[in-house]
N, C-alpha and C. Protein backbone atom coordinates (compact mmCIF):
# COMPACT_ATOMS: atom_id res chain seq x y z
N UNK A 1 3.04 8.81 13.47
CA UNK A 1 3.59 8.44 12.18
C UNK A 1 4.47 9.53 11.64
N UNK A 2 4.17 9.96 10.42
CA UNK A 2 4.97 11.01 9.78
C UNK A 2 4.06 12.13 9.29
N UNK A 3 4.65 13.31 9.15
CA UNK A 3 3.92 14.48 8.68
C UNK A 3 4.70 15.12 7.55
N UNK A 4 4.14 15.08 6.34
CA UNK A 4 4.75 15.64 5.14
C UNK A 4 6.22 15.26 5.00
N UNK A 5 6.45 13.96 4.98
CA UNK A 5 7.81 13.43 4.87
C UNK A 5 7.96 12.68 3.55
N UNK A 6 9.20 12.40 3.18
CA UNK A 6 9.49 11.55 2.03
C UNK A 6 10.13 10.29 2.56
N UNK A 7 9.45 9.16 2.39
CA UNK A 7 9.91 7.88 2.92
C UNK A 7 10.22 6.92 1.78
N UNK A 8 11.30 6.17 1.93
CA UNK A 8 11.67 5.13 0.97
C UNK A 8 12.02 3.87 1.76
N UNK A 9 11.41 2.75 1.37
CA UNK A 9 11.69 1.45 1.98
C UNK A 9 11.58 1.49 3.51
N UNK A 10 10.43 1.92 3.99
CA UNK A 10 10.19 2.03 5.43
C UNK A 10 8.97 1.21 5.84
N UNK A 11 8.93 0.87 7.11
CA UNK A 11 7.73 0.28 7.70
C UNK A 11 7.16 1.31 8.67
N UNK A 12 5.90 1.67 8.45
CA UNK A 12 5.20 2.62 9.31
C UNK A 12 4.17 1.80 10.07
N UNK A 13 4.42 1.54 11.35
CA UNK A 13 3.68 0.52 12.09
C UNK A 13 3.19 1.05 13.44
N UNK A 14 1.92 0.79 13.74
CA UNK A 14 1.29 1.01 15.05
C UNK A 14 1.42 2.44 15.58
N UNK A 15 1.02 3.40 14.75
CA UNK A 15 0.96 4.79 15.17
C UNK A 15 -0.49 5.20 15.40
N UNK A 16 -0.70 6.20 16.24
CA UNK A 16 -2.03 6.74 16.52
C UNK A 16 -2.10 8.19 16.10
N UNK A 17 -3.11 8.53 15.31
CA UNK A 17 -3.35 9.92 14.93
C UNK A 17 -4.57 10.43 15.67
N UNK A 18 -4.55 11.67 16.08
CA UNK A 18 -5.69 12.22 16.83
C UNK A 18 -6.92 12.38 15.94
N UNK A 19 -6.76 12.98 14.78
CA UNK A 19 -7.91 13.20 13.90
C UNK A 19 -7.75 12.53 12.55
N UNK A 20 -6.63 12.79 11.87
CA UNK A 20 -6.43 12.23 10.54
C UNK A 20 -5.02 11.67 10.41
N UNK A 21 -4.86 10.74 9.48
CA UNK A 21 -3.54 10.23 9.13
C UNK A 21 -2.78 9.58 10.27
N UNK A 22 -3.25 8.44 10.74
CA UNK A 22 -2.55 7.73 11.80
C UNK A 22 -1.13 7.36 11.45
N UNK A 23 -0.89 6.90 10.22
CA UNK A 23 0.45 6.51 9.80
C UNK A 23 1.17 7.61 9.06
N UNK A 24 0.55 8.15 8.02
CA UNK A 24 1.18 9.15 7.16
C UNK A 24 0.20 10.28 6.89
N UNK A 25 0.69 11.50 7.00
CA UNK A 25 -0.12 12.65 6.59
C UNK A 25 0.72 13.50 5.65
N UNK A 26 0.32 13.52 4.38
CA UNK A 26 1.04 14.28 3.36
C UNK A 26 2.35 13.61 2.98
N UNK A 27 3.04 14.20 2.04
CA UNK A 27 4.33 13.68 1.63
C UNK A 27 4.24 12.53 0.64
N UNK A 28 5.31 11.72 0.62
CA UNK A 28 5.44 10.62 -0.32
C UNK A 28 6.00 9.39 0.38
N UNK A 29 5.47 8.23 0.03
CA UNK A 29 6.00 6.96 0.53
C UNK A 29 6.25 6.05 -0.67
N UNK A 30 7.46 5.48 -0.74
CA UNK A 30 7.85 4.62 -1.85
C UNK A 30 8.35 3.29 -1.29
N UNK A 31 7.77 2.19 -1.77
CA UNK A 31 8.14 0.84 -1.32
C UNK A 31 8.07 0.72 0.20
N UNK A 32 6.97 1.18 0.76
CA UNK A 32 6.78 1.16 2.21
C UNK A 32 5.64 0.24 2.62
N UNK A 33 5.75 -0.30 3.82
CA UNK A 33 4.70 -1.09 4.45
C UNK A 33 4.04 -0.20 5.48
N UNK A 34 2.71 -0.02 5.37
CA UNK A 34 1.94 0.82 6.29
C UNK A 34 0.92 -0.09 6.95
N UNK A 35 1.15 -0.44 8.23
CA UNK A 35 0.35 -1.48 8.87
C UNK A 35 0.02 -1.14 10.33
N UNK A 36 -1.22 -1.44 10.71
CA UNK A 36 -1.71 -1.34 12.10
C UNK A 36 -1.63 0.07 12.68
N UNK A 37 -1.91 1.07 11.85
CA UNK A 37 -1.99 2.46 12.33
C UNK A 37 -3.46 2.79 12.58
N UNK A 38 -3.73 3.77 13.45
CA UNK A 38 -5.10 4.12 13.83
C UNK A 38 -5.28 5.63 13.87
N UNK A 39 -6.52 6.05 13.58
CA UNK A 39 -6.89 7.45 13.75
C UNK A 39 -8.34 7.52 14.19
N UNK A 40 -8.69 8.61 14.81
CA UNK A 40 -10.04 8.76 15.34
C UNK A 40 -10.99 9.43 14.37
N UNK A 41 -10.55 9.64 13.13
CA UNK A 41 -11.44 10.24 12.15
C UNK A 41 -11.21 9.67 10.76
N UNK A 42 -10.28 10.21 9.96
CA UNK A 42 -10.09 9.82 8.57
C UNK A 42 -8.66 9.34 8.30
N UNK A 43 -8.51 8.33 7.44
CA UNK A 43 -7.20 7.92 6.94
C UNK A 43 -6.31 7.26 7.98
N UNK A 44 -6.71 6.09 8.46
CA UNK A 44 -5.92 5.38 9.46
C UNK A 44 -4.50 5.10 9.01
N UNK A 45 -4.32 4.67 7.76
CA UNK A 45 -2.99 4.41 7.23
C UNK A 45 -2.34 5.66 6.69
N UNK A 46 -3.08 6.43 5.86
CA UNK A 46 -2.51 7.62 5.24
C UNK A 46 -3.62 8.57 4.81
N UNK A 47 -3.31 9.86 4.84
CA UNK A 47 -4.21 10.89 4.33
C UNK A 47 -3.38 11.89 3.53
N UNK A 48 -3.87 12.25 2.32
CA UNK A 48 -3.23 13.26 1.50
C UNK A 48 -1.80 12.92 1.11
N UNK A 49 -1.50 11.65 0.93
CA UNK A 49 -0.14 11.18 0.68
C UNK A 49 -0.06 10.53 -0.71
N UNK A 50 1.09 10.61 -1.36
CA UNK A 50 1.36 9.86 -2.58
C UNK A 50 2.04 8.57 -2.17
N UNK A 51 1.44 7.44 -2.52
CA UNK A 51 1.99 6.12 -2.18
C UNK A 51 2.34 5.39 -3.46
N UNK A 52 3.62 5.09 -3.64
CA UNK A 52 4.12 4.38 -4.82
C UNK A 52 4.67 3.03 -4.37
N UNK A 53 4.11 1.94 -4.90
CA UNK A 53 4.57 0.59 -4.60
C UNK A 53 4.56 0.33 -3.09
N UNK A 54 3.44 0.62 -2.46
CA UNK A 54 3.29 0.42 -1.02
C UNK A 54 2.24 -0.65 -0.72
N UNK A 55 2.34 -1.21 0.47
CA UNK A 55 1.34 -2.15 0.98
C UNK A 55 0.72 -1.51 2.22
N UNK A 56 -0.61 -1.31 2.19
CA UNK A 56 -1.34 -0.64 3.27
C UNK A 56 -2.36 -1.64 3.80
N UNK A 57 -2.11 -2.21 4.99
CA UNK A 57 -2.97 -3.26 5.53
C UNK A 57 -3.19 -3.10 7.03
N UNK A 58 -4.38 -3.52 7.48
CA UNK A 58 -4.65 -3.61 8.91
C UNK A 58 -4.71 -2.28 9.63
N UNK A 59 -5.02 -1.19 8.94
CA UNK A 59 -5.14 0.13 9.56
C UNK A 59 -6.59 0.42 9.88
N UNK A 60 -6.84 1.35 10.80
CA UNK A 60 -8.20 1.61 11.28
C UNK A 60 -8.48 3.11 11.38
N UNK A 61 -9.67 3.51 10.94
CA UNK A 61 -10.17 4.88 11.13
C UNK A 61 -11.58 4.79 11.69
N UNK A 62 -11.92 5.64 12.60
CA UNK A 62 -13.27 5.62 13.17
C UNK A 62 -14.32 6.06 12.17
N UNK A 63 -13.95 6.90 11.21
CA UNK A 63 -14.91 7.44 10.27
C UNK A 63 -14.73 6.79 8.89
N UNK A 64 -13.94 7.38 7.99
CA UNK A 64 -13.79 6.87 6.63
C UNK A 64 -12.32 6.67 6.28
N UNK A 65 -12.10 5.78 5.30
CA UNK A 65 -10.74 5.57 4.79
C UNK A 65 -9.81 4.95 5.81
N UNK A 66 -10.16 3.76 6.29
CA UNK A 66 -9.30 3.07 7.24
C UNK A 66 -7.90 2.86 6.70
N UNK A 67 -7.79 2.58 5.40
CA UNK A 67 -6.48 2.43 4.76
C UNK A 67 -5.93 3.77 4.33
N UNK A 68 -6.59 4.41 3.34
CA UNK A 68 -6.14 5.71 2.84
C UNK A 68 -7.33 6.63 2.61
N UNK A 69 -7.08 7.91 2.77
CA UNK A 69 -8.10 8.94 2.57
C UNK A 69 -7.47 10.05 1.72
N UNK A 70 -8.07 10.31 0.55
CA UNK A 70 -7.64 11.38 -0.33
C UNK A 70 -6.16 11.27 -0.70
N UNK A 71 -5.75 10.09 -1.15
CA UNK A 71 -4.36 9.82 -1.52
C UNK A 71 -4.25 9.50 -3.00
N UNK A 72 -3.03 9.57 -3.53
CA UNK A 72 -2.71 9.06 -4.85
C UNK A 72 -1.92 7.78 -4.63
N UNK A 73 -2.46 6.66 -5.10
CA UNK A 73 -1.74 5.39 -4.96
C UNK A 73 -1.44 4.82 -6.35
N UNK A 74 -0.23 4.29 -6.50
CA UNK A 74 0.19 3.63 -7.73
C UNK A 74 0.93 2.36 -7.35
N UNK A 75 0.67 1.29 -8.09
CA UNK A 75 1.38 0.01 -7.88
C UNK A 75 1.30 -0.44 -6.43
N UNK A 76 0.18 -0.21 -5.79
CA UNK A 76 0.06 -0.48 -4.36
C UNK A 76 -1.03 -1.50 -4.06
N UNK A 77 -1.01 -1.98 -2.83
CA UNK A 77 -2.04 -2.86 -2.31
C UNK A 77 -2.65 -2.17 -1.09
N UNK A 78 -3.98 -1.98 -1.13
CA UNK A 78 -4.70 -1.39 0.00
C UNK A 78 -5.75 -2.42 0.39
N UNK A 79 -5.51 -3.16 1.47
CA UNK A 79 -6.30 -4.35 1.74
C UNK A 79 -6.51 -4.56 3.24
N UNK A 80 -7.69 -5.06 3.59
CA UNK A 80 -7.99 -5.50 4.95
C UNK A 80 -7.81 -4.40 6.00
N UNK A 81 -8.30 -3.22 5.67
CA UNK A 81 -8.31 -2.10 6.62
C UNK A 81 -9.73 -1.97 7.17
N UNK A 82 -9.93 -1.15 8.20
CA UNK A 82 -11.25 -1.05 8.83
C UNK A 82 -11.64 0.41 9.07
N UNK A 83 -12.95 0.70 8.87
CA UNK A 83 -13.52 2.02 9.15
C UNK A 83 -15.04 1.84 9.18
N UNK A 84 -15.75 2.82 9.73
CA UNK A 84 -17.21 2.73 9.75
C UNK A 84 -17.78 2.74 8.34
N UNK A 85 -17.09 3.38 7.39
CA UNK A 85 -17.45 3.29 5.96
C UNK A 85 -16.17 3.47 5.14
N UNK A 86 -16.18 2.94 3.92
CA UNK A 86 -15.03 3.03 3.03
C UNK A 86 -13.75 2.54 3.72
N UNK A 87 -13.77 1.28 4.11
CA UNK A 87 -12.70 0.71 4.92
C UNK A 87 -11.31 0.82 4.30
N UNK A 88 -11.17 0.54 3.02
CA UNK A 88 -9.83 0.55 2.42
C UNK A 88 -9.42 1.92 1.88
N UNK A 89 -10.30 2.57 1.14
CA UNK A 89 -9.94 3.87 0.56
C UNK A 89 -11.17 4.75 0.44
N UNK A 90 -10.92 6.05 0.50
CA UNK A 90 -11.99 7.03 0.28
C UNK A 90 -11.38 8.21 -0.47
N UNK A 91 -12.06 8.62 -1.53
CA UNK A 91 -11.59 9.70 -2.40
C UNK A 91 -10.21 9.39 -2.96
N UNK A 92 -9.55 10.34 -3.55
CA UNK A 92 -8.21 10.12 -4.09
C UNK A 92 -8.22 9.42 -5.43
N UNK A 93 -7.03 9.04 -5.88
CA UNK A 93 -6.82 8.41 -7.17
C UNK A 93 -6.01 7.13 -6.99
N UNK A 94 -6.51 6.04 -7.52
CA UNK A 94 -5.80 4.76 -7.49
C UNK A 94 -5.47 4.34 -8.92
N UNK A 95 -4.20 3.97 -9.14
CA UNK A 95 -3.77 3.46 -10.43
C UNK A 95 -2.94 2.21 -10.20
N UNK A 96 -3.25 1.14 -10.91
CA UNK A 96 -2.55 -0.14 -10.76
C UNK A 96 -2.48 -0.51 -9.28
N UNK A 97 -3.66 -0.51 -8.66
CA UNK A 97 -3.79 -0.77 -7.23
C UNK A 97 -4.78 -1.90 -6.99
N UNK A 98 -4.41 -2.78 -6.08
CA UNK A 98 -5.27 -3.89 -5.66
C UNK A 98 -6.00 -3.44 -4.40
N UNK A 99 -7.32 -3.28 -4.51
CA UNK A 99 -8.12 -2.82 -3.38
C UNK A 99 -9.59 -3.16 -3.57
N UNK A 100 -10.33 -3.06 -2.49
CA UNK A 100 -11.80 -3.22 -2.51
C UNK A 100 -12.39 -1.99 -1.87
N UNK A 101 -13.51 -1.45 -2.32
CA UNK A 101 -14.24 -1.85 -3.52
C UNK A 101 -13.48 -1.41 -4.77
N UNK A 102 -14.07 -1.75 -5.91
CA UNK A 102 -13.45 -1.39 -7.18
C UNK A 102 -13.20 0.11 -7.23
N UNK A 103 -12.10 0.47 -7.88
CA UNK A 103 -11.73 1.87 -8.01
C UNK A 103 -11.56 2.20 -9.48
N UNK A 104 -12.11 3.32 -9.95
CA UNK A 104 -11.87 3.69 -11.34
C UNK A 104 -10.39 4.01 -11.53
N UNK A 105 -9.92 3.84 -12.73
CA UNK A 105 -8.51 4.14 -13.01
C UNK A 105 -7.85 2.94 -13.66
N UNK A 106 -6.74 3.18 -14.32
CA UNK A 106 -6.07 2.10 -15.06
C UNK A 106 -5.44 1.05 -14.14
N UNK A 107 -5.60 -0.22 -14.54
CA UNK A 107 -4.89 -1.32 -13.89
C UNK A 107 -5.36 -1.73 -12.51
N UNK A 108 -6.46 -1.17 -12.02
CA UNK A 108 -6.95 -1.53 -10.69
C UNK A 108 -7.75 -2.83 -10.72
N UNK A 109 -7.67 -3.60 -9.64
CA UNK A 109 -8.52 -4.79 -9.53
C UNK A 109 -8.82 -5.09 -8.07
N UNK A 110 -9.78 -5.99 -7.85
CA UNK A 110 -10.29 -6.28 -6.51
C UNK A 110 -9.96 -7.68 -6.02
N UNK A 111 -9.11 -8.42 -6.72
CA UNK A 111 -8.76 -9.78 -6.30
C UNK A 111 -7.99 -9.75 -4.99
N UNK A 112 -8.17 -10.77 -4.17
CA UNK A 112 -7.39 -10.92 -2.95
C UNK A 112 -5.91 -10.94 -3.33
N UNK A 113 -5.05 -10.13 -2.69
CA UNK A 113 -3.64 -10.08 -3.09
C UNK A 113 -2.85 -11.35 -2.73
N UNK A 114 -3.38 -12.18 -1.87
CA UNK A 114 -2.75 -13.45 -1.48
C UNK A 114 -1.34 -13.25 -0.91
N UNK A 115 -1.31 -12.81 0.34
CA UNK A 115 -0.05 -12.65 1.06
C UNK A 115 0.45 -14.00 1.55
N UNK A 116 1.72 -14.10 1.84
CA UNK A 116 2.31 -15.35 2.32
C UNK A 116 1.63 -15.78 3.63
N UNK A 117 1.51 -14.86 4.61
CA UNK A 117 0.87 -15.19 5.88
C UNK A 117 0.50 -13.90 6.60
N UNK A 118 -0.60 -13.27 6.18
CA UNK A 118 -1.03 -11.99 6.76
C UNK A 118 -1.28 -12.11 8.26
N UNK A 119 -1.82 -13.24 8.72
CA UNK A 119 -2.10 -13.42 10.15
C UNK A 119 -0.84 -13.32 11.00
N UNK A 120 0.29 -13.68 10.43
CA UNK A 120 1.57 -13.61 11.14
C UNK A 120 2.37 -12.34 10.77
N UNK A 121 1.75 -11.43 9.98
CA UNK A 121 2.42 -10.20 9.60
C UNK A 121 3.37 -10.32 8.43
N UNK A 122 3.25 -11.41 7.65
CA UNK A 122 4.10 -11.58 6.47
C UNK A 122 3.30 -11.15 5.24
N UNK A 123 3.53 -9.92 4.78
CA UNK A 123 2.79 -9.35 3.67
C UNK A 123 3.53 -9.46 2.34
N UNK A 124 4.51 -10.36 2.26
CA UNK A 124 5.12 -10.66 0.96
C UNK A 124 4.09 -11.40 0.11
N UNK A 125 4.24 -11.35 -1.19
CA UNK A 125 3.28 -11.97 -2.10
C UNK A 125 3.51 -13.47 -2.21
N UNK A 126 2.41 -14.24 -2.12
CA UNK A 126 2.47 -15.68 -2.36
C UNK A 126 2.75 -15.90 -3.85
N UNK A 127 3.26 -17.05 -4.20
CA UNK A 127 3.64 -17.33 -5.59
C UNK A 127 2.47 -17.29 -6.56
N UNK A 128 1.23 -17.41 -6.06
CA UNK A 128 0.04 -17.36 -6.92
C UNK A 128 -0.72 -16.04 -6.79
N UNK A 129 -0.09 -15.00 -6.28
CA UNK A 129 -0.73 -13.69 -6.11
C UNK A 129 -1.03 -13.03 -7.45
N UNK A 130 -2.24 -12.43 -7.58
CA UNK A 130 -2.55 -11.70 -8.81
C UNK A 130 -1.78 -10.38 -8.92
N UNK A 131 -1.08 -9.98 -7.85
CA UNK A 131 -0.33 -8.72 -7.84
C UNK A 131 1.06 -8.85 -8.46
N UNK A 132 1.48 -10.08 -8.76
CA UNK A 132 2.79 -10.31 -9.37
C UNK A 132 2.77 -9.83 -10.82
N UNK A 133 3.74 -8.99 -11.16
CA UNK A 133 3.88 -8.43 -12.51
C UNK A 133 2.64 -7.66 -12.97
N UNK A 134 1.84 -7.15 -12.04
CA UNK A 134 0.59 -6.48 -12.38
C UNK A 134 0.67 -4.96 -12.31
N UNK A 135 1.82 -4.42 -11.93
CA UNK A 135 1.98 -2.97 -11.84
C UNK A 135 2.39 -2.36 -13.16
N UNK A 136 2.65 -1.07 -13.13
CA UNK A 136 3.14 -0.36 -14.31
C UNK A 136 4.53 0.20 -13.98
N UNK A 137 5.48 -0.11 -14.83
CA UNK A 137 6.86 0.32 -14.60
C UNK A 137 6.96 1.84 -14.70
N UNK A 138 7.81 2.40 -13.83
CA UNK A 138 8.08 3.84 -13.84
C UNK A 138 9.60 4.03 -13.92
N UNK A 139 10.03 5.17 -14.42
CA UNK A 139 11.46 5.42 -14.61
C UNK A 139 12.27 5.21 -13.34
N UNK A 140 11.77 5.64 -12.19
CA UNK A 140 12.53 5.55 -10.94
C UNK A 140 12.82 4.11 -10.53
N UNK A 141 12.10 3.16 -11.07
CA UNK A 141 12.23 1.76 -10.66
C UNK A 141 13.43 1.04 -11.28
N UNK A 142 14.03 1.60 -12.31
CA UNK A 142 15.10 0.90 -13.04
C UNK A 142 16.19 0.37 -12.12
N UNK A 143 16.65 1.15 -11.18
CA UNK A 143 17.71 0.73 -10.26
C UNK A 143 17.22 0.65 -8.83
N UNK A 144 15.92 0.71 -8.62
CA UNK A 144 15.34 0.73 -7.27
C UNK A 144 15.21 -0.68 -6.70
N UNK A 145 15.06 -0.74 -5.39
CA UNK A 145 14.84 -2.01 -4.70
C UNK A 145 13.57 -1.92 -3.86
N UNK A 146 13.04 -3.08 -3.49
CA UNK A 146 11.84 -3.14 -2.67
C UNK A 146 12.21 -2.99 -1.19
N UNK A 147 11.25 -3.23 -0.31
CA UNK A 147 11.46 -3.06 1.13
C UNK A 147 12.55 -3.98 1.67
N UNK A 148 12.76 -5.13 1.02
CA UNK A 148 13.79 -6.08 1.46
C UNK A 148 15.11 -5.91 0.71
N UNK A 149 15.19 -4.94 -0.19
CA UNK A 149 16.42 -4.71 -0.93
C UNK A 149 16.54 -5.52 -2.22
N UNK A 150 15.46 -6.18 -2.64
CA UNK A 150 15.46 -6.94 -3.90
C UNK A 150 15.19 -6.00 -5.07
N UNK A 151 15.64 -6.34 -6.28
CA UNK A 151 15.37 -5.49 -7.45
C UNK A 151 13.87 -5.23 -7.59
N UNK A 152 13.53 -4.01 -7.94
CA UNK A 152 12.11 -3.61 -8.01
C UNK A 152 11.41 -4.22 -9.22
N UNK A 153 12.10 -4.42 -10.30
CA UNK A 153 11.46 -4.99 -11.50
C UNK A 153 12.12 -6.32 -11.85
N UNK A 154 11.32 -7.38 -11.87
CA UNK A 154 11.75 -8.70 -12.33
C UNK A 154 10.73 -9.17 -13.36
N UNK A 155 11.13 -9.98 -14.28
CA UNK A 155 10.23 -10.50 -15.33
C UNK A 155 9.62 -9.39 -16.17
N UNK A 156 10.24 -8.22 -16.21
CA UNK A 156 9.79 -7.16 -17.10
C UNK A 156 8.72 -6.24 -16.55
N UNK A 157 8.05 -6.61 -15.44
CA UNK A 157 7.00 -5.75 -14.88
C UNK A 157 7.09 -5.75 -13.35
N UNK A 158 6.81 -4.62 -12.77
CA UNK A 158 6.86 -4.47 -11.31
C UNK A 158 5.66 -5.17 -10.66
N UNK A 159 5.90 -5.72 -9.47
CA UNK A 159 4.80 -6.27 -8.67
C UNK A 159 4.12 -5.13 -7.92
N UNK A 160 2.85 -5.30 -7.59
CA UNK A 160 2.16 -4.33 -6.74
C UNK A 160 2.60 -4.54 -5.29
N UNK A 161 2.62 -3.48 -4.52
CA UNK A 161 2.97 -3.57 -3.11
C UNK A 161 4.45 -3.30 -2.88
N UNK A 162 4.86 -3.42 -1.62
CA UNK A 162 6.23 -3.05 -1.22
C UNK A 162 7.24 -4.17 -1.39
N UNK A 163 6.77 -5.38 -1.74
CA UNK A 163 7.68 -6.51 -1.91
C UNK A 163 7.62 -7.04 -3.34
N UNK A 164 8.79 -7.32 -3.90
CA UNK A 164 8.88 -7.94 -5.22
C UNK A 164 9.12 -9.44 -5.00
N UNK A 165 8.35 -10.26 -5.68
CA UNK A 165 8.53 -11.70 -5.54
C UNK A 165 9.72 -12.16 -6.35
N UNK A 166 10.64 -12.84 -5.69
CA UNK A 166 11.76 -13.47 -6.38
C UNK A 166 11.33 -14.91 -6.66
N UNK A 167 11.26 -15.30 -7.91
CA UNK A 167 10.82 -16.67 -8.23
C UNK A 167 11.71 -17.70 -7.52
N UNK A 168 11.15 -18.84 -7.10
CA UNK A 168 11.93 -19.87 -6.39
C UNK A 168 13.15 -20.37 -7.16
N UNK A 169 13.15 -20.25 -8.47
CA UNK A 169 14.25 -20.76 -9.27
C UNK A 169 15.47 -19.83 -9.25
N UNK A 170 15.39 -18.66 -8.62
CA UNK A 170 16.51 -17.71 -8.59
C UNK A 170 17.50 -18.11 -7.54
């Protein structure tokens, strides 16, 4: 994966880490998809990383934090990861993040994010997703775009995860 990098609108997919951080170790990821990464110890998707508006799914760690370990996540989705304990997240700080189990912090919830078709690798939000307009706007988002190049803020509030839902009427 990456080591202390700054990533914007990237997909970090199918990397193997020897001990920690299969996908990301340190640094920052913004509007990124982190999927199907593996590590033999902690943080299959990410360890010690700041994740802003990211989707972290299907990652694996042999020990703890299959999704993320000791990370700061904001406006993100950490879902359906695997580990011997603490499958989605372990330690760190989550804010306006959709994940299981419940995480202390503002705006977090445990509802299924309802992807369009996770089995086929489509992690865009379904029209009935609880993650739509559920994030907290940040200054950097004013002119930013999501992973597909769509405006980051629609309807006045940012969606959680790396994809912004464009309503069908647009």
